[in-house]
């Protein structure tokens, strides 16, 4: 689960990590009041969206008066911000963070992440912050220090001092508190970029990103409440509510599968057959009738979907239950696109019988590879028919 920068900074502050003075506003008037409360003549207004690259996209602006803060907030709030991470669709800015301007003498990078290849947590430090850590790792790997952490004991004092010495600033406590926060809150990423040293010698977390392990949120009710559904694809939000896994992609073949491994294999087969999957959708091993119907509605809400490929291996989830759900959903929702179905496992013959007797536009496949090929063929047929209809409509108009 991702959270906003202003939320991340509140958590950092609770763990003794200094951050600039500031508050969040959802309208220009509130933004101006915050600037007046902070005082001075230097402010930073930052769009609050779940995406990096805000500065380059115009989502971070410097102001020199409360009135200027008002104008900047007015031009940001309610507008779409497009960064390299949001994609061309962008994200609507609903809040801005107004902070006291900081004169940074030097910028650093400090993060705690999981190294999945080693199955360990590590601290990554870099004396050149403010840029993508991936770029530094590629161009100047010698500027990066990586220290692995014992998941039981946490970070040793000597390692915290070693990291602070590498950065060249007195940041031992910041390192230790960041690691402590990572473990106590079940984070998957804690990143301060940049960590800055001001001209007054103060060390501040100027920007921060914190991600949490979804599977551990039941232990952190206060963290779960920070979830902002407006920052996610509505289909993802709906999928979470009904307990299925969904990730939207940019293809035109909708995939409805039970089991993450089978979903990955299905997408591979579609690509191998020359098609492109429109999504990753895993209804799980014990999906109900309503969940399957809801999964269909999520798939069909994507206007790019030209064919649906249902690939089910029936175990706990019986093939006849899936077939019944498919037929009901197709009839109730008036599904116009072709549906290719491959069933295998418990009650497979009964499931196929239900599909064959439905008199719907459902094509059955004997195995996954055949199903993927059929789905790709149906997409081509669908596009050819659409092209003919457009051509005929054009001729009629002329």
Protein backbone atom coordinates (compact mmCIF):
# COMPACT_ATOMS: atom_id res chain seq x y z
CA UNK A 1 0.00 0.00 0.00
CA UNK A 2 1.27 3.46 -0.93
CA UNK A 3 0.68 6.65 1.03
CA UNK A 4 1.11 10.36 0.30
CA UNK A 5 4.23 12.35 1.09
CA UNK A 6 2.51 14.37 3.82
CA UNK A 7 1.39 11.14 5.51
CA UNK A 8 4.89 9.68 5.24
CA UNK A 9 6.39 12.78 6.84
CA UNK A 10 4.00 12.58 9.78
CA UNK A 11 5.17 9.02 10.39
CA UNK A 12 8.84 10.04 10.07
CA UNK A 13 8.27 12.83 12.59
CA UNK A 14 6.69 10.35 15.02
CA UNK A 15 9.89 8.30 14.77
CA UNK A 16 12.15 11.25 15.58
CA UNK A 17 13.22 12.00 12.01
CA UNK A 18 13.14 15.78 11.40
CA UNK A 19 11.02 17.11 8.52
CA UNK A 20 10.29 20.67 7.28
CA UNK A 21 7.44 22.58 8.92
CA UNK A 22 4.27 22.22 6.87
CA UNK A 23 0.65 21.09 6.54
CA UNK A 24 -1.66 19.72 3.87
CA UNK A 25 -4.47 21.67 2.22
CA UNK A 26 -7.38 20.65 0.01
CA UNK A 27 -8.23 24.19 -1.18
CA UNK A 28 -6.30 27.39 -2.01
CA UNK A 29 -7.64 29.33 0.99
CA UNK A 30 -6.37 26.69 3.41
CA UNK A 31 -3.01 26.65 1.61
CA UNK A 32 -2.69 30.41 2.12
CA UNK A 33 -3.56 30.11 5.83
CA UNK A 34 -0.86 27.47 6.27
CA UNK A 35 1.71 29.76 4.62
CA UNK A 36 0.70 32.63 6.90
CA UNK A 37 1.02 30.35 9.92
CA UNK A 38 4.50 29.19 8.84
CA UNK A 39 5.65 32.77 8.23
CA UNK A 40 8.62 34.06 6.29
CA UNK A 41 8.93 34.58 2.55
CA UNK A 42 9.88 31.15 1.23
CA UNK A 43 7.41 28.30 0.71
CA UNK A 44 7.15 25.10 -1.29
CA UNK A 45 3.82 23.86 -2.66
CA UNK A 46 3.83 20.15 -3.53
CA UNK A 47 1.09 18.20 -5.32
CA UNK A 48 0.07 15.11 -3.36
CA UNK A 49 -0.27 12.19 -5.75
CA UNK A 50 1.05 8.63 -5.63
CA UNK A 51 3.78 9.14 -8.23
CA UNK A 52 7.38 10.22 -8.53
CA UNK A 53 8.72 12.83 -10.94
CA UNK A 54 6.36 15.56 -9.67
CA UNK A 55 8.99 18.29 -9.89
CA UNK A 56 9.67 17.78 -13.60
CA UNK A 57 5.92 17.65 -14.27
CA UNK A 58 5.20 20.96 -12.54
CA UNK A 59 3.87 19.43 -9.34
CA UNK A 60 6.39 21.19 -7.05
CA UNK A 61 6.51 24.98 -7.03
CA UNK A 62 8.35 27.58 -4.94
CA UNK A 63 6.43 30.61 -3.64
CA UNK A 64 7.60 33.80 -1.90
CA UNK A 65 4.35 34.97 -0.29
CA UNK A 66 1.07 33.54 1.02
CA UNK A 67 -0.74 35.11 -1.94
CA UNK A 68 1.58 33.30 -4.35
CA UNK A 69 0.93 30.07 -2.44
CA UNK A 70 -2.79 30.68 -2.98
CA UNK A 71 -2.35 31.09 -6.75
CA UNK A 72 -0.14 28.02 -7.09
CA UNK A 73 -2.56 25.88 -5.06
CA UNK A 74 -5.45 27.20 -7.15
CA UNK A 75 -3.69 26.06 -10.33
CA UNK A 76 -2.78 22.64 -8.89
CA UNK A 77 -5.80 21.41 -6.95
CA UNK A 78 -8.36 19.70 -9.16
CA UNK A 79 -5.98 19.53 -12.09
CA UNK A 80 -4.43 16.45 -13.68
CA UNK A 81 -0.71 15.89 -13.11
CA UNK A 82 1.09 13.73 -15.66
CA UNK A 83 4.51 12.33 -14.69
CA UNK A 84 6.66 9.52 -16.06
CA UNK A 85 5.15 7.25 -13.38
CA UNK A 86 1.46 8.10 -13.84
CA UNK A 87 1.40 7.40 -17.55
CA UNK A 88 -0.46 9.66 -20.02
CA UNK A 89 -3.73 9.34 -18.06
CA UNK A 90 -2.16 11.22 -15.12
CA UNK A 91 -3.61 11.66 -11.61
CA UNK A 92 -5.96 14.33 -10.25
CA UNK A 93 -4.38 16.49 -7.54
CA UNK A 94 -6.80 16.72 -4.61
CA UNK A 95 -4.40 18.04 -1.96
CA UNK A 96 -1.18 20.04 -1.76
CA UNK A 97 1.50 20.07 0.91
CA UNK A 98 2.62 23.57 1.90
CA UNK A 99 6.03 23.65 3.58
CA UNK A 100 8.55 26.17 4.75
CA UNK A 101 11.23 26.74 2.11
CA UNK A 102 14.57 25.15 2.92
CA UNK A 103 17.99 26.19 1.64
CA UNK A 104 19.84 22.93 1.16
CA UNK A 105 23.63 22.91 1.25
CA UNK A 106 23.88 19.24 0.24
CA UNK A 107 21.45 16.45 -0.72
CA UNK A 108 21.68 12.75 0.19
CA UNK A 109 19.72 9.55 -0.36
CA UNK A 110 18.78 7.12 2.43
CA UNK A 111 16.46 4.15 2.07
CA UNK A 112 15.52 0.84 3.65
CA UNK A 113 14.36 -1.83 1.19
CA UNK A 114 14.05 -5.59 0.78
CA UNK A 115 16.70 -7.30 -1.32
CA UNK A 116 14.61 -10.18 -2.58
CA UNK A 117 17.55 -11.91 -4.25
CA UNK A 118 19.24 -12.27 -0.85
CA UNK A 119 15.99 -12.42 1.17
CA UNK A 120 17.29 -9.70 3.47
CA UNK A 121 16.50 -6.14 4.45
CA UNK A 122 19.16 -3.60 3.59
CA UNK A 123 19.95 0.09 4.05
CA UNK A 124 21.01 1.93 0.91
CA UNK A 125 22.90 5.22 1.24
CA UNK A 126 24.14 7.65 -1.39
CA UNK A 127 25.88 11.02 -0.84
CA UNK A 128 24.18 12.40 -3.96
CA UNK A 129 20.43 12.59 -3.38
CA UNK A 130 17.64 14.25 -5.30
CA UNK A 131 17.96 11.92 -8.30
CA UNK A 132 16.69 8.45 -9.16
CA UNK A 133 18.75 5.91 -7.20
CA UNK A 134 18.57 3.56 -10.21
CA UNK A 135 20.44 6.13 -12.31
CA UNK A 136 23.20 6.45 -9.72
CA UNK A 137 23.48 2.66 -9.40
CA UNK A 138 23.97 2.40 -13.16
CA UNK A 139 26.36 5.31 -13.68
CA UNK A 140 28.27 5.54 -10.36
CA UNK A 141 27.84 2.31 -8.34
CA UNK A 142 30.79 3.30 -6.12
CA UNK A 143 28.65 6.12 -4.71
CA UNK A 144 26.21 3.63 -3.18
CA UNK A 145 26.65 1.84 0.14
CA UNK A 146 24.51 -1.19 0.96
CA UNK A 147 24.37 -2.59 4.50
CA UNK A 148 22.32 -5.69 5.28
CA UNK A 149 20.27 -5.77 8.47
CA UNK A 150 19.51 -8.61 10.86
CA UNK A 151 15.72 -8.95 10.85
CA UNK A 152 15.69 -9.99 14.52
CA UNK A 153 18.29 -7.67 16.09
CA UNK A 154 17.84 -4.67 13.80
CA UNK A 155 20.74 -2.44 12.83
CA UNK A 156 23.92 -2.50 14.91
CA UNK A 157 25.30 0.83 16.17
CA UNK A 158 28.55 0.40 14.27
CA UNK A 159 26.65 -0.04 10.98
CA UNK A 160 24.59 3.11 11.61
CA UNK A 161 27.82 5.04 12.29
CA UNK A 162 29.43 3.53 9.19
CA UNK A 163 26.52 4.71 7.02
CA UNK A 164 26.55 8.20 8.56
CA UNK A 165 30.31 8.44 7.98
CA UNK A 166 29.86 7.38 4.35
CA UNK A 167 27.27 10.14 3.89
CA UNK A 168 29.44 12.62 5.77
CA UNK A 169 26.72 13.87 8.15
CA UNK A 170 25.70 13.09 11.76
CA UNK A 171 22.79 10.85 10.78
CA UNK A 172 23.25 7.77 13.00
CA UNK A 173 19.94 8.30 14.82
CA UNK A 174 18.07 8.93 11.58
CA UNK A 175 19.41 5.64 10.16
CA UNK A 176 18.47 3.70 13.30
CA UNK A 177 14.99 5.25 13.53
CA UNK A 178 14.30 4.59 9.86
CA UNK A 179 15.22 0.91 10.26
CA UNK A 180 13.15 0.64 13.45
CA UNK A 181 10.16 2.16 11.64
CA UNK A 182 10.61 -0.23 8.71
CA UNK A 183 10.29 -3.30 10.94
CA UNK A 184 7.69 -2.00 13.41
CA UNK A 185 5.27 -0.89 10.70
CA UNK A 186 5.86 -3.83 8.31
CA UNK A 187 7.07 -1.60 5.49
CA UNK A 188 8.23 -2.79 2.09
CA UNK A 189 10.04 0.50 1.34
CA UNK A 190 11.17 3.53 3.36
CA UNK A 191 12.92 6.12 1.23
CA UNK A 192 14.15 9.62 2.06
CA UNK A 193 15.18 11.38 -1.13
CA UNK A 194 16.52 13.87 -0.62
CA UNK A 195 17.78 13.92 2.94
CA UNK A 196 19.34 17.39 3.15
CA UNK A 197 21.80 19.35 5.22
CA UNK A 198 20.64 22.97 5.43
CA UNK A 199 22.88 26.02 5.49
CA UNK A 200 22.23 26.12 9.25
CA UNK A 201 23.59 22.58 9.63
CA UNK A 202 20.17 21.01 10.24
CA UNK A 203 19.44 17.54 8.78
CA UNK A 204 15.92 17.23 7.29
CA UNK A 205 13.91 14.67 5.30
CA UNK A 206 12.89 16.92 2.42
CA UNK A 207 10.90 14.24 0.58
CA UNK A 208 9.86 10.74 1.59
CA UNK A 209 8.17 7.66 0.24
CA UNK A 210 6.85 4.80 2.37
CA UNK A 211 5.15 1.63 1.13
CA UNK A 212 3.58 -1.02 3.36
CA UNK A 213 3.09 -4.76 3.05
CA UNK A 214 -0.63 -5.21 2.36
CA UNK A 215 -0.58 -8.61 4.05
CA UNK A 216 0.41 -7.03 7.38
CA UNK A 217 -2.15 -4.20 7.45
CA UNK A 218 -4.42 -6.18 9.80
CA UNK A 219 -1.78 -5.42 12.46
CA UNK A 220 -1.79 -1.68 11.72
CA UNK A 221 -5.33 -0.31 11.63
CA UNK A 222 -4.04 3.27 11.81
CA UNK A 223 -1.89 2.71 8.71
CA UNK A 224 -4.73 1.02 6.79
CA UNK A 225 -6.81 4.18 7.29
CA UNK A 226 -4.25 6.15 5.24
CA UNK A 227 -5.29 4.30 2.07
CA UNK A 228 -6.45 6.73 -0.63
CA UNK A 229 -8.60 4.94 -3.27
CA UNK A 230 -8.73 8.07 -5.43
CA UNK A 231 -5.09 7.48 -6.37
CA UNK A 232 -5.75 4.04 -7.83
CA UNK A 233 -7.48 2.67 -10.90
CA UNK A 234 -11.21 2.28 -10.02
CA UNK A 235 -10.98 -1.32 -11.25
CA UNK A 236 -8.19 -2.02 -8.74
CA UNK A 237 -10.29 -0.51 -5.95
CA UNK A 238 -13.34 -2.61 -6.89
CA UNK A 239 -11.21 -5.76 -7.06
CA UNK A 240 -9.82 -5.13 -3.56
CA UNK A 241 -13.33 -4.68 -2.16
CA UNK A 242 -14.50 -8.05 -3.47
CA UNK A 243 -11.26 -9.84 -2.55
CA UNK A 244 -9.68 -10.58 -5.95
CA UNK A 245 -6.31 -9.58 -7.39
CA UNK A 246 -6.39 -7.28 -10.42
CA UNK A 247 -3.70 -5.38 -12.31
CA UNK A 248 -4.60 -3.46 -15.45
CA UNK A 249 -2.34 -3.78 -18.51
CA UNK A 250 -2.46 -2.25 -21.99
CA UNK A 251 -3.63 -5.19 -24.13
CA UNK A 252 -7.05 -6.21 -25.47
CA UNK A 253 -7.55 -9.78 -24.16
CA UNK A 254 -9.17 -9.86 -20.74
CA UNK A 255 -7.91 -12.70 -18.52
CA UNK A 256 -9.98 -14.34 -15.79
CA UNK A 257 -7.90 -16.97 -14.00
CA UNK A 258 -7.75 -18.69 -10.62
CA UNK A 259 -4.28 -18.71 -9.10
CA UNK A 260 -1.43 -16.23 -9.52
CA UNK A 261 0.89 -18.77 -11.17
CA UNK A 262 -1.77 -19.74 -13.69
CA UNK A 263 -2.46 -16.05 -14.37
CA UNK A 264 1.21 -15.44 -15.17
CA UNK A 265 1.34 -18.52 -17.42
CA UNK A 266 -1.85 -17.42 -19.18
CA UNK A 267 -0.39 -14.00 -19.97
CA UNK A 268 2.77 -15.65 -21.29
CA UNK A 269 0.74 -17.92 -23.58
CA UNK A 270 -1.25 -14.98 -24.93
CA UNK A 271 1.97 -13.10 -25.74
CA UNK A 272 3.44 -16.26 -27.30
CA UNK A 273 0.35 -16.52 -29.53
CA UNK A 274 0.85 -12.94 -30.73
CA UNK A 275 -1.70 -11.22 -28.51
CA UNK A 276 -1.56 -8.80 -25.58
CA UNK A 277 -3.23 -9.35 -22.19
CA UNK A 278 -5.42 -6.52 -20.92
CA UNK A 279 -4.95 -7.44 -17.31
CA UNK A 280 -3.82 -9.80 -14.59
CA UNK A 281 -6.95 -11.00 -12.79
CA UNK A 282 -6.80 -13.78 -10.20
CA UNK A 283 -10.13 -14.72 -8.61
CA UNK A 284 -8.37 -17.13 -6.23
CA UNK A 285 -9.07 -20.73 -5.39
CA UNK A 286 -12.43 -20.34 -3.70
CA UNK A 287 -14.20 -17.52 -5.52
CA UNK A 288 -17.97 -17.26 -5.13
CA UNK A 289 -20.55 -16.80 -7.86
CA UNK A 290 -20.77 -13.09 -7.07
CA UNK A 291 -17.00 -12.68 -7.19
CA UNK A 292 -16.81 -14.25 -10.64
CA UNK A 293 -19.63 -11.99 -11.88
CA UNK A 294 -17.89 -8.96 -10.38
CA UNK A 295 -14.64 -10.02 -12.05
CA UNK A 296 -16.46 -9.99 -15.40
CA UNK A 297 -17.79 -6.50 -14.75
CA UNK A 298 -14.24 -5.30 -14.02
CA UNK A 299 -12.97 -6.82 -17.27
CA UNK A 300 -15.80 -5.33 -19.33
CA UNK A 301 -15.29 -1.86 -17.84
CA UNK A 302 -12.08 -1.75 -19.88
CA UNK A 303 -13.23 -0.63 -23.33
CA UNK A 304 -10.06 -2.03 -24.92
CA UNK A 305 -11.09 -5.62 -24.15
CA UNK A 306 -12.13 -7.37 -27.37
CA UNK A 307 -12.08 -10.97 -26.09
CA UNK A 308 -12.13 -12.62 -22.67
CA UNK A 309 -10.02 -15.70 -21.97
CA UNK A 310 -11.21 -17.68 -18.93
CA UNK A 311 -8.58 -20.19 -17.81
CA UNK A 312 -9.67 -22.17 -14.75
CA UNK A 313 -8.08 -25.12 -13.02
CA UNK A 314 -10.82 -26.48 -10.80
CA UNK A 315 -9.77 -27.63 -7.36
CA UNK A 316 -11.53 -26.00 -4.44
CA UNK A 317 -13.25 -23.89 -7.07
CA UNK A 318 -15.30 -26.42 -9.08
CA UNK A 319 -15.60 -26.11 -12.85
CA UNK A 320 -19.41 -26.35 -12.84
CA UNK A 321 -19.63 -23.40 -10.41
CA UNK A 322 -17.39 -21.35 -12.69
CA UNK A 323 -19.38 -22.33 -15.77
CA UNK A 324 -22.66 -21.40 -14.07
CA UNK A 325 -21.23 -18.02 -13.04
CA UNK A 326 -19.95 -17.38 -16.57
CA UNK A 327 -23.32 -18.15 -18.15
CA UNK A 328 -25.23 -16.03 -15.63
CA UNK A 329 -22.84 -13.11 -15.98
CA UNK A 330 -22.92 -13.28 -19.79
CA UNK A 331 -26.74 -13.28 -19.83
CA UNK A 332 -27.25 -10.61 -17.16
CA UNK A 333 -24.58 -8.25 -18.48
CA UNK A 334 -25.26 -8.77 -22.17
CA UNK A 335 -21.63 -9.51 -22.95
CA UNK A 336 -20.96 -8.73 -26.60
CA UNK A 337 -17.31 -9.82 -26.87
CA UNK A 338 -16.34 -13.47 -27.50
CA UNK A 339 -15.45 -15.61 -24.48
CA UNK A 340 -12.87 -18.37 -24.76
CA UNK A 341 -12.96 -20.84 -21.88
CA UNK A 342 -10.52 -23.54 -20.84
CA UNK A 343 -11.69 -25.65 -17.90
CA UNK A 344 -9.75 -28.42 -16.19
CA UNK A 345 -10.14 -30.23 -12.87
CA UNK A 346 -13.05 -30.97 -10.56
CA UNK A 347 -16.39 -31.44 -12.37
CA UNK A 348 -14.85 -30.40 -15.70
CA UNK A 349 -17.28 -32.43 -17.85
CA UNK A 350 -20.28 -30.93 -16.10
CA UNK A 351 -18.78 -27.46 -16.51
CA UNK A 352 -18.25 -27.94 -20.25
CA UNK A 353 -21.80 -29.25 -20.62
CA UNK A 354 -23.20 -26.12 -18.96
CA UNK A 355 -21.19 -23.93 -21.34
CA UNK A 356 -22.11 -25.89 -24.46
CA UNK A 357 -25.82 -25.81 -23.64
CA UNK A 358 -25.84 -22.08 -22.84
CA UNK A 359 -26.29 -21.05 -26.52
CA UNK A 360 -23.97 -18.10 -25.85
CA UNK A 361 -20.91 -16.89 -27.73
CA UNK A 362 -18.60 -19.10 -25.62
CA UNK A 363 -15.79 -21.07 -27.27
CA UNK A 364 -14.27 -23.95 -25.29
CA UNK A 365 -10.60 -24.97 -25.53
CA UNK A 366 -8.98 -28.26 -24.59
CA UNK A 367 -5.84 -26.74 -23.08
CA UNK A 368 -4.26 -23.40 -22.19
CA UNK A 369 -2.20 -23.01 -25.38
CA UNK A 370 -5.18 -23.70 -27.60
CA UNK A 371 -7.24 -21.26 -25.54
CA UNK A 372 -4.64 -18.50 -25.94
CA UNK A 373 -4.50 -19.04 -29.71
CA UNK A 374 -8.30 -18.98 -29.98
CA UNK A 375 -8.45 -15.76 -27.93
CA UNK A 376 -5.95 -14.07 -30.26
CA UNK A 377 -7.90 -15.27 -33.32
CA UNK A 378 -11.16 -13.93 -31.88
CA UNK A 379 -9.57 -10.53 -31.29
CA UNK A 380 -8.53 -10.39 -34.95
CA UNK A 381 -12.01 -11.42 -36.07
CA UNK A 382 -13.59 -8.83 -33.76
CA UNK A 383 -11.35 -6.07 -35.13
CA UNK A 384 -12.02 -7.09 -38.75
CA UNK A 385 -15.78 -7.01 -38.16
CA UNK A 386 -15.48 -3.62 -36.47
CA UNK A 387 -13.48 -2.34 -39.42
CA UNK A 388 -16.16 -3.59 -41.85
CA UNK A 389 -18.91 -1.91 -39.84
CA UNK A 390 -17.02 1.39 -39.83
CA UNK A 391 -16.42 1.13 -43.57
CA UNK A 392 -20.10 0.33 -44.23
CA UNK A 393 -21.21 3.20 -42.03
CA UNK A 394 -18.89 5.54 -43.91
CA UNK A 395 -20.27 4.39 -47.29
CA UNK A 396 -23.84 4.88 -46.07
CA UNK A 397 -22.98 8.39 -44.87
CA UNK A 398 -21.38 9.30 -48.22
